[in-house]
Amino acid sequence: MIADEEFAISTESIGRLADIILSLQRCFLARLSETLAAGQVSSAQFFLLSHINTHETLSMTEIAAKMSHTTAAATGLVDRLERLDYVERTTDPLDRRKVLVRIKPKGVDLVALIRQDMMANLSKVMRGLSPHEQIMWVQIYDKVFNYCQTHADTCIPSAD
């Protein structure tokens, strides 16, 4: 149990925050992009495409680690993206046993479209906040993001 004296807010408030995060996650993923909402790609597929887009090429082992999946589960995800023509598999020229996944132009375009959608809809959300609240929201999210990057074991559930 979390001791109340460790925080400026109560255990009930932390519980409320947990509920808000769950609701926001669903809202952000389902409503911030018409493409995601329409089910053209899943949120996991979009997350993976975005990650590959920033790295251009990833190995299946890297994909499995990033997605917190087994290699078999990651393979299934890549299979679906490949069937949709968003990614392609190649072999590493230095190690032919190693499978690499590269994003295709259609995948790059989809990531850009969904990101533009999300930015436009986040702008609408931001209009409901004061300028100070907008700045604070970004700063708080940035702090939480940085914490999760340095403490991945506590932010990302283990793959079972």
Protein backbone atom coordinates (compact mmCIF):
# COMPACT_ATOMS: atom_id res chain seq x y z
CA MET A 1 0.00 0.00 0.00
CA ILE A 2 1.21 3.50 -0.77
CA ALA A 3 1.72 5.67 2.30
CA ASP A 4 -0.17 8.98 2.00
CA GLU A 5 2.68 10.92 3.61
CA GLU A 6 4.92 10.16 0.60
CA PHE A 7 2.76 12.37 -1.63
CA ALA A 8 1.04 15.74 -1.62
CA ILE A 9 -2.13 13.95 -2.75
CA SER A 10 -4.17 11.15 -1.18
CA THR A 11 -4.27 7.49 -2.13
CA GLU A 12 -7.76 8.17 -3.47
CA SER A 13 -6.35 10.89 -5.73
CA ILE A 14 -3.70 8.49 -7.01
CA GLY A 15 -6.49 5.99 -7.73
CA ARG A 16 -8.39 8.71 -9.57
CA LEU A 17 -5.24 9.46 -11.59
CA ALA A 18 -4.99 5.76 -12.51
CA ASP A 19 -8.62 5.84 -13.73
CA ILE A 20 -7.96 9.04 -15.71
CA ILE A 21 -4.86 7.54 -17.36
CA LEU A 22 -6.81 4.47 -18.46
CA SER A 23 -9.61 6.60 -19.89
CA LEU A 24 -7.21 9.03 -21.57
CA GLN A 25 -5.26 6.19 -23.13
CA ARG A 26 -8.43 4.85 -24.74
CA CYS A 27 -9.56 8.35 -25.76
CA PHE A 28 -6.19 9.34 -27.20
CA LEU A 29 -5.73 6.14 -29.14
CA ALA A 30 -9.30 5.83 -30.35
CA ARG A 31 -10.24 9.44 -30.93
CA LEU A 32 -7.09 11.39 -31.71
CA SER A 33 -6.84 9.80 -35.12
CA GLU A 34 -9.65 8.80 -37.45
CA THR A 35 -7.34 6.20 -39.00
CA LEU A 36 -6.77 4.48 -35.67
CA ALA A 37 -10.43 4.81 -34.72
CA ALA A 38 -11.51 3.24 -38.00
CA GLY A 39 -9.41 0.19 -37.19
CA GLN A 40 -7.24 0.46 -40.29
CA VAL A 41 -4.29 -0.26 -38.00
CA SER A 42 -4.20 -1.16 -34.32
CA SER A 43 -2.52 1.00 -31.73
CA ALA A 44 0.21 -1.65 -31.37
CA GLN A 45 0.79 -1.59 -35.14
CA PHE A 46 0.98 2.20 -35.11
CA PHE A 47 3.37 2.17 -32.15
CA LEU A 48 5.63 -0.29 -33.97
CA LEU A 49 5.44 1.60 -37.28
CA SER A 50 6.35 4.83 -35.49
CA HIS A 51 9.31 3.17 -33.83
CA ILE A 52 10.55 1.62 -37.07
CA ASN A 53 10.03 4.98 -38.78
CA THR A 54 12.44 6.67 -36.38
CA HIS A 55 15.04 3.92 -36.79
CA GLU A 56 14.35 2.96 -40.45
CA THR A 57 15.37 -0.66 -39.87
CA LEU A 58 15.08 -2.90 -36.81
CA SER A 59 15.82 -6.55 -36.16
CA MET A 60 13.07 -8.86 -34.96
CA THR A 61 14.86 -9.10 -31.60
CA GLU A 62 14.82 -5.30 -31.25
CA ILE A 63 11.14 -5.21 -32.20
CA ALA A 64 10.26 -7.89 -29.64
CA ALA A 65 12.15 -5.99 -26.93
CA LYS A 66 10.55 -2.63 -27.80
CA MET A 67 7.07 -4.14 -27.85
CA SER A 68 7.69 -6.21 -24.69
CA HIS A 69 6.63 -9.27 -26.69
CA THR A 70 8.13 -12.63 -27.42
CA THR A 71 9.83 -12.88 -30.80
CA ALA A 72 6.93 -15.08 -31.98
CA ALA A 73 4.36 -12.43 -31.02
CA ALA A 74 6.44 -9.71 -32.67
CA THR A 75 6.62 -11.85 -35.80
CA GLY A 76 2.83 -11.98 -35.93
CA LEU A 77 2.63 -8.21 -35.64
CA VAL A 78 5.21 -7.74 -38.40
CA ASP A 79 3.36 -10.30 -40.56
CA ARG A 80 0.21 -8.16 -40.41
CA LEU A 81 2.11 -4.96 -41.23
CA GLU A 82 3.84 -6.71 -44.11
CA ARG A 83 0.49 -7.93 -45.52
CA LEU A 84 -0.73 -4.31 -45.39
CA ASP A 85 2.42 -3.28 -47.33
CA TYR A 86 3.68 -0.97 -44.56
CA VAL A 87 6.93 -2.83 -43.88
CA GLU A 88 9.22 -5.30 -45.59
CA ARG A 89 11.58 -7.92 -44.28
CA THR A 90 15.13 -8.26 -45.46
CA THR A 91 18.18 -10.11 -44.27
CA ASP A 92 21.18 -8.44 -42.74
CA PRO A 93 23.92 -8.36 -45.38
CA LEU A 94 26.48 -9.04 -42.62
CA ASP A 95 24.52 -11.91 -41.03
CA ARG A 96 22.03 -13.64 -43.31
CA ARG A 97 20.40 -15.36 -40.30
CA LYS A 98 19.28 -11.99 -38.95
CA VAL A 99 15.90 -10.71 -40.19
CA LEU A 100 15.54 -6.95 -40.49
CA VAL A 101 12.28 -5.04 -40.79
CA ARG A 102 12.24 -1.81 -42.79
CA ILE A 103 9.38 0.65 -43.13
CA LYS A 104 8.08 1.19 -46.65
CA PRO A 105 6.92 4.53 -48.11
CA LYS A 106 3.28 3.54 -47.51
CA GLY A 107 4.13 3.00 -43.82
CA VAL A 108 5.96 6.33 -43.60
CA ASP A 109 2.92 8.05 -45.11
CA LEU A 110 0.57 6.35 -42.63
CA VAL A 111 2.68 7.37 -39.64
CA ALA A 112 2.72 10.98 -40.90
CA LEU A 113 -1.06 10.96 -41.48
CA ILE A 114 -1.86 9.59 -38.02
CA ARG A 115 0.62 11.97 -36.37
CA GLN A 116 -0.96 14.96 -38.19
CA ASP A 117 -4.39 13.75 -37.07
CA MET A 118 -3.21 13.48 -33.48
CA MET A 119 -1.58 16.91 -33.52
CA ALA A 120 -4.71 18.56 -34.92
CA ASN A 121 -6.91 16.91 -32.30
CA LEU A 122 -4.46 17.64 -29.46
CA SER A 123 -4.53 21.28 -30.55
CA LYS A 124 -8.30 21.23 -29.99
CA VAL A 125 -7.78 19.80 -26.49
CA MET A 126 -5.11 22.44 -25.76
CA ARG A 127 -7.54 25.25 -26.66
CA GLY A 128 -9.50 24.30 -23.54
CA LEU A 129 -6.50 25.05 -21.36
CA SER A 130 -4.94 28.35 -20.39
CA PRO A 131 -1.49 29.10 -21.86
CA HIS A 132 0.07 28.30 -18.46
CA GLU A 133 -1.83 24.98 -18.26
CA GLN A 134 -0.70 24.08 -21.78
CA ILE A 135 2.94 24.60 -20.83
CA MET A 136 2.52 22.71 -17.55
CA TRP A 137 0.79 19.78 -19.27
CA VAL A 138 3.67 19.35 -21.70
CA GLN A 139 6.24 19.72 -18.91
CA ILE A 140 4.50 17.14 -16.72
CA TYR A 141 4.09 14.65 -19.56
CA ASP A 142 7.74 15.19 -20.48
CA LYS A 143 8.80 14.41 -16.89
CA VAL A 144 6.64 11.27 -16.79
CA PHE A 145 7.99 10.20 -20.19
CA ASN A 146 11.60 10.73 -19.08
CA TYR A 147 10.95 8.76 -15.91
CA CYS A 148 9.52 5.89 -17.92
CA GLN A 149 12.51 5.96 -20.26
CA THR A 150 14.96 5.63 -17.37
CA HIS A 151 12.80 3.24 -15.29
CA ALA A 152 11.35 1.05 -18.02
CA ASP A 153 11.00 -1.87 -15.60
CA THR A 154 8.39 0.08 -13.59
CA CYS A 155 6.59 1.70 -16.53
CA ILE A 156 6.37 -1.22 -18.92
CA PRO A 157 4.79 -4.50 -17.79
CA SER A 158 6.93 -7.56 -18.34
CA ALA A 159 6.03 -9.87 -21.22
CA ASP A 160 4.64 -13.10 -19.81
